[in-house]
Amino acid sequence: MKALKGLATILVLVTVFTVSVVFVRFNSESTSIFLGGFKVFELPLSVLVLGAFVIGSILGLLFGLRIVKYFKMKAEIKHLKKLKLP
């Protein structure tokens, strides 16, 4: 079962890598980012989209882990209150 899980992980990673390479290949047109009427920078569209995806994934993971930790701690407090000794 462990080998199957490892194989599935490798398959998913190879698929994501392949799709990313194809995406970068076909979206290399330069795109400008404007903030408040000022041109901030100009990068290929693929870099901007993949950068936004990576930043969003990292932020989502960090907030998700914090929420999970919060609910675990809340459940532990509830459990400890039930075990309250006189």
N, C-alpha and C. Protein backbone atom coordinates (compact mmCIF):
# COMPACT_ATOMS: atom_id res chain seq x y z
N MET A 1 0.83 -1.19 0.00
CA MET A 1 0.00 0.00 0.00
C MET A 1 0.87 1.26 0.00
N LYS A 2 1.99 1.21 0.75
CA LYS A 2 2.89 2.35 0.82
C LYS A 2 3.52 2.62 -0.55
N ALA A 3 3.85 1.54 -1.26
CA ALA A 3 4.44 1.70 -2.59
C ALA A 3 3.44 2.31 -3.56
N LEU A 4 2.18 1.93 -3.44
CA LEU A 4 1.14 2.47 -4.31
C LEU A 4 0.94 3.96 -4.05
N LYS A 5 1.00 4.35 -2.78
CA LYS A 5 0.87 5.76 -2.42
C LYS A 5 2.05 6.56 -2.98
N GLY A 6 3.24 6.02 -2.88
CA GLY A 6 4.43 6.68 -3.43
C GLY A 6 4.35 6.82 -4.94
N LEU A 7 3.86 5.76 -5.59
CA LEU A 7 3.71 5.79 -7.05
C LEU A 7 2.67 6.83 -7.46
N ALA A 8 1.58 6.92 -6.72
CA ALA A 8 0.54 7.91 -7.03
C ALA A 8 1.08 9.32 -6.84
N THR A 9 1.88 9.53 -5.80
CA THR A 9 2.47 10.84 -5.55
C THR A 9 3.40 11.23 -6.69
N ILE A 10 4.24 10.31 -7.11
CA ILE A 10 5.16 10.57 -8.22
C ILE A 10 4.38 10.87 -9.49
N LEU A 11 3.32 10.13 -9.75
CA LEU A 11 2.50 10.35 -10.94
C LEU A 11 1.86 11.74 -10.93
N VAL A 12 1.35 12.15 -9.78
CA VAL A 12 0.75 13.48 -9.66
C VAL A 12 1.81 14.57 -9.87
N LEU A 13 2.98 14.41 -9.27
CA LEU A 13 4.04 15.41 -9.42
C LEU A 13 4.51 15.51 -10.86
N VAL A 14 4.68 14.40 -11.54
CA VAL A 14 5.10 14.41 -12.94
C VAL A 14 4.02 15.08 -13.80
N THR A 15 2.75 14.80 -13.53
CA THR A 15 1.66 15.41 -14.28
C THR A 15 1.64 16.92 -14.08
N VAL A 16 1.75 17.37 -12.83
CA VAL A 16 1.76 18.81 -12.54
C VAL A 16 2.96 19.48 -13.21
N PHE A 17 4.12 18.85 -13.16
CA PHE A 17 5.31 19.40 -13.79
C PHE A 17 5.12 19.52 -15.30
N THR A 18 4.57 18.48 -15.92
CA THR A 18 4.35 18.48 -17.37
C THR A 18 3.37 19.57 -17.77
N VAL A 19 2.27 19.67 -17.05
CA VAL A 19 1.28 20.70 -17.35
C VAL A 19 1.89 22.09 -17.16
N SER A 20 2.71 22.27 -16.14
CA SER A 20 3.36 23.56 -15.90
C SER A 20 4.31 23.92 -17.05
N VAL A 21 5.08 22.97 -17.51
CA VAL A 21 6.00 23.23 -18.61
C VAL A 21 5.23 23.60 -19.88
N VAL A 22 4.17 22.88 -20.17
CA VAL A 22 3.35 23.19 -21.35
C VAL A 22 2.73 24.58 -21.20
N PHE A 23 2.23 24.89 -20.01
CA PHE A 23 1.63 26.19 -19.75
C PHE A 23 2.65 27.31 -19.96
N VAL A 24 3.85 27.14 -19.44
CA VAL A 24 4.90 28.15 -19.58
C VAL A 24 5.27 28.30 -21.06
N ARG A 25 5.32 27.21 -21.77
CA ARG A 25 5.70 27.24 -23.19
C ARG A 25 4.70 28.05 -24.01
N PHE A 26 3.41 27.89 -23.76
CA PHE A 26 2.40 28.52 -24.59
C PHE A 26 1.93 29.88 -24.07
N ASN A 27 2.43 30.32 -22.93
CA ASN A 27 2.03 31.61 -22.37
C ASN A 27 3.25 32.47 -22.05
N SER A 28 4.09 32.67 -23.04
CA SER A 28 5.32 33.42 -22.81
C SER A 28 5.19 34.89 -23.22
N GLU A 29 4.01 35.34 -23.58
CA GLU A 29 3.79 36.73 -23.97
C GLU A 29 3.95 37.65 -22.76
N SER A 30 4.65 38.75 -22.94
CA SER A 30 4.88 39.69 -21.83
C SER A 30 3.59 40.40 -21.45
N THR A 31 3.42 40.57 -20.14
CA THR A 31 2.25 41.23 -19.60
C THR A 31 2.70 42.26 -18.57
N SER A 32 2.09 43.43 -18.62
CA SER A 32 2.45 44.49 -17.68
C SER A 32 1.46 44.54 -16.53
N ILE A 33 1.96 44.85 -15.36
CA ILE A 33 1.12 45.02 -14.18
C ILE A 33 1.12 46.50 -13.83
N PHE A 34 -0.08 47.08 -13.72
CA PHE A 34 -0.24 48.49 -13.38
C PHE A 34 -0.93 48.60 -12.03
N LEU A 35 -0.38 49.43 -11.17
CA LEU A 35 -0.99 49.74 -9.88
C LEU A 35 -1.12 51.25 -9.77
N GLY A 36 -2.34 51.74 -9.69
CA GLY A 36 -2.57 53.17 -9.57
C GLY A 36 -2.08 53.96 -10.77
N GLY A 37 -2.11 53.38 -11.93
CA GLY A 37 -1.69 54.08 -13.14
C GLY A 37 -0.20 54.00 -13.41
N PHE A 38 0.54 53.37 -12.54
CA PHE A 38 1.98 53.22 -12.73
C PHE A 38 2.31 51.78 -13.11
N LYS A 39 3.19 51.66 -14.09
CA LYS A 39 3.63 50.33 -14.51
C LYS A 39 4.62 49.80 -13.48
N VAL A 40 4.22 48.72 -12.81
CA VAL A 40 5.06 48.18 -11.74
C VAL A 40 6.16 47.30 -12.32
N PHE A 41 5.77 46.32 -13.13
CA PHE A 41 6.74 45.46 -13.79
C PHE A 41 6.11 44.75 -14.97
N GLU A 42 6.96 44.18 -15.80
CA GLU A 42 6.50 43.45 -16.98
C GLU A 42 7.16 42.07 -16.97
N LEU A 43 6.32 41.05 -16.94
CA LEU A 43 6.80 39.67 -16.91
C LEU A 43 5.96 38.82 -17.86
N PRO A 44 6.46 37.66 -18.23
CA PRO A 44 5.63 36.75 -19.04
C PRO A 44 4.38 36.33 -18.26
N LEU A 45 3.29 36.15 -18.98
CA LEU A 45 2.02 35.78 -18.35
C LEU A 45 2.15 34.51 -17.52
N SER A 46 2.91 33.55 -18.00
CA SER A 46 3.06 32.29 -17.27
C SER A 46 3.71 32.50 -15.91
N VAL A 47 4.68 33.40 -15.83
CA VAL A 47 5.35 33.67 -14.56
C VAL A 47 4.37 34.30 -13.58
N LEU A 48 3.55 35.23 -14.06
CA LEU A 48 2.58 35.88 -13.20
C LEU A 48 1.53 34.90 -12.68
N VAL A 49 1.00 34.07 -13.57
CA VAL A 49 -0.04 33.12 -13.17
C VAL A 49 0.52 32.06 -12.23
N LEU A 50 1.66 31.49 -12.56
CA LEU A 50 2.25 30.47 -11.69
C LEU A 50 2.71 31.08 -10.37
N GLY A 51 3.21 32.31 -10.39
CA GLY A 51 3.59 32.98 -9.15
C GLY A 51 2.39 33.21 -8.25
N ALA A 52 1.28 33.66 -8.84
CA ALA A 52 0.06 33.86 -8.06
C ALA A 52 -0.44 32.53 -7.49
N PHE A 53 -0.35 31.46 -8.27
CA PHE A 53 -0.77 30.14 -7.80
C PHE A 53 0.09 29.67 -6.63
N VAL A 54 1.40 29.84 -6.75
CA VAL A 54 2.31 29.39 -5.69
C VAL A 54 2.10 30.21 -4.42
N ILE A 55 1.99 31.53 -4.55
CA ILE A 55 1.77 32.38 -3.38
C ILE A 55 0.44 32.05 -2.72
N GLY A 56 -0.60 31.86 -3.54
CA GLY A 56 -1.91 31.50 -2.99
C GLY A 56 -1.90 30.14 -2.31
N SER A 57 -1.18 29.20 -2.87
CA SER A 57 -1.08 27.87 -2.26
C SER A 57 -0.38 27.94 -0.91
N ILE A 58 0.70 28.68 -0.85
CA ILE A 58 1.44 28.80 0.40
C ILE A 58 0.60 29.50 1.47
N LEU A 59 -0.06 30.59 1.09
CA LEU A 59 -0.92 31.29 2.05
C LEU A 59 -2.08 30.41 2.50
N GLY A 60 -2.68 29.69 1.57
CA GLY A 60 -3.77 28.79 1.92
C GLY A 60 -3.32 27.69 2.87
N LEU A 61 -2.14 27.15 2.62
CA LEU A 61 -1.59 26.12 3.49
C LEU A 61 -1.33 26.66 4.89
N LEU A 62 -0.73 27.85 4.97
CA LEU A 62 -0.43 28.44 6.27
C LEU A 62 -1.70 28.73 7.06
N PHE A 63 -2.70 29.35 6.41
CA PHE A 63 -3.96 29.65 7.09
C PHE A 63 -4.71 28.37 7.42
N GLY A 64 -4.66 27.39 6.52
CA GLY A 64 -5.34 26.12 6.77
C GLY A 64 -4.76 25.39 7.96
N LEU A 65 -3.45 25.37 8.07
CA LEU A 65 -2.81 24.72 9.21
C LEU A 65 -3.14 25.44 10.50
N ARG A 66 -3.22 26.75 10.44
CA ARG A 66 -3.55 27.52 11.64
C ARG A 66 -4.99 27.23 12.09
N ILE A 67 -5.90 27.12 11.15
CA ILE A 67 -7.29 26.83 11.49
C ILE A 67 -7.42 25.43 12.07
N VAL A 68 -6.72 24.47 11.48
CA VAL A 68 -6.76 23.10 12.00
C VAL A 68 -6.21 23.07 13.41
N LYS A 69 -5.11 23.77 13.64
CA LYS A 69 -4.51 23.81 14.98
C LYS A 69 -5.48 24.44 15.98
N TYR A 70 -6.18 25.49 15.54
CA TYR A 70 -7.14 26.17 16.41
C TYR A 70 -8.25 25.21 16.84
N PHE A 71 -8.81 24.47 15.89
CA PHE A 71 -9.90 23.56 16.22
C PHE A 71 -9.42 22.38 17.07
N LYS A 72 -8.21 21.92 16.86
CA LYS A 72 -7.65 20.85 17.69
C LYS A 72 -7.50 21.34 19.13
N MET A 73 -6.99 22.56 19.28
CA MET A 73 -6.80 23.10 20.62
C MET A 73 -8.14 23.33 21.31
N LYS A 74 -9.13 23.78 20.56
CA LYS A 74 -10.45 24.01 21.11
C LYS A 74 -11.07 22.69 21.58
N ALA A 75 -10.90 21.62 20.79
CA ALA A 75 -11.42 20.30 21.17
C ALA A 75 -10.69 19.78 22.41
N GLU A 76 -9.39 20.03 22.50
CA GLU A 76 -8.64 19.59 23.66
C GLU A 76 -9.10 20.32 24.92
N ILE A 77 -9.35 21.61 24.81
CA ILE A 77 -9.85 22.39 25.96
C ILE A 77 -11.20 21.84 26.40
N LYS A 78 -12.07 21.55 25.45
CA LYS A 78 -13.38 21.00 25.77
C LYS A 78 -13.24 19.65 26.49
N HIS A 79 -12.33 18.82 25.98
CA HIS A 79 -12.09 17.51 26.58
C HIS A 79 -11.54 17.66 28.00
N LEU A 80 -10.60 18.59 28.20
CA LEU A 80 -10.03 18.80 29.52
C LEU A 80 -11.04 19.35 30.52
N LYS A 81 -11.96 20.16 30.04
CA LYS A 81 -13.01 20.69 30.93
C LYS A 81 -13.92 19.57 31.41
N LYS A 82 -14.13 18.56 30.56
CA LYS A 82 -14.95 17.42 30.97
C LYS A 82 -14.23 16.60 32.05
N LEU A 83 -12.93 16.56 32.00
CA LEU A 83 -12.13 15.80 32.96
C LEU A 83 -11.80 16.59 34.21
N LYS A 84 -12.38 17.75 34.36
CA LYS A 84 -12.09 18.64 35.47
C LYS A 84 -12.23 17.89 36.80
N LEU A 85 -11.16 17.92 37.56
CA LEU A 85 -11.15 17.25 38.86
C LEU A 85 -11.55 18.22 39.96
N PRO A 86 -12.19 17.73 41.03
CA PRO A 86 -12.61 18.62 42.12
C PRO A 86 -11.47 19.18 42.93
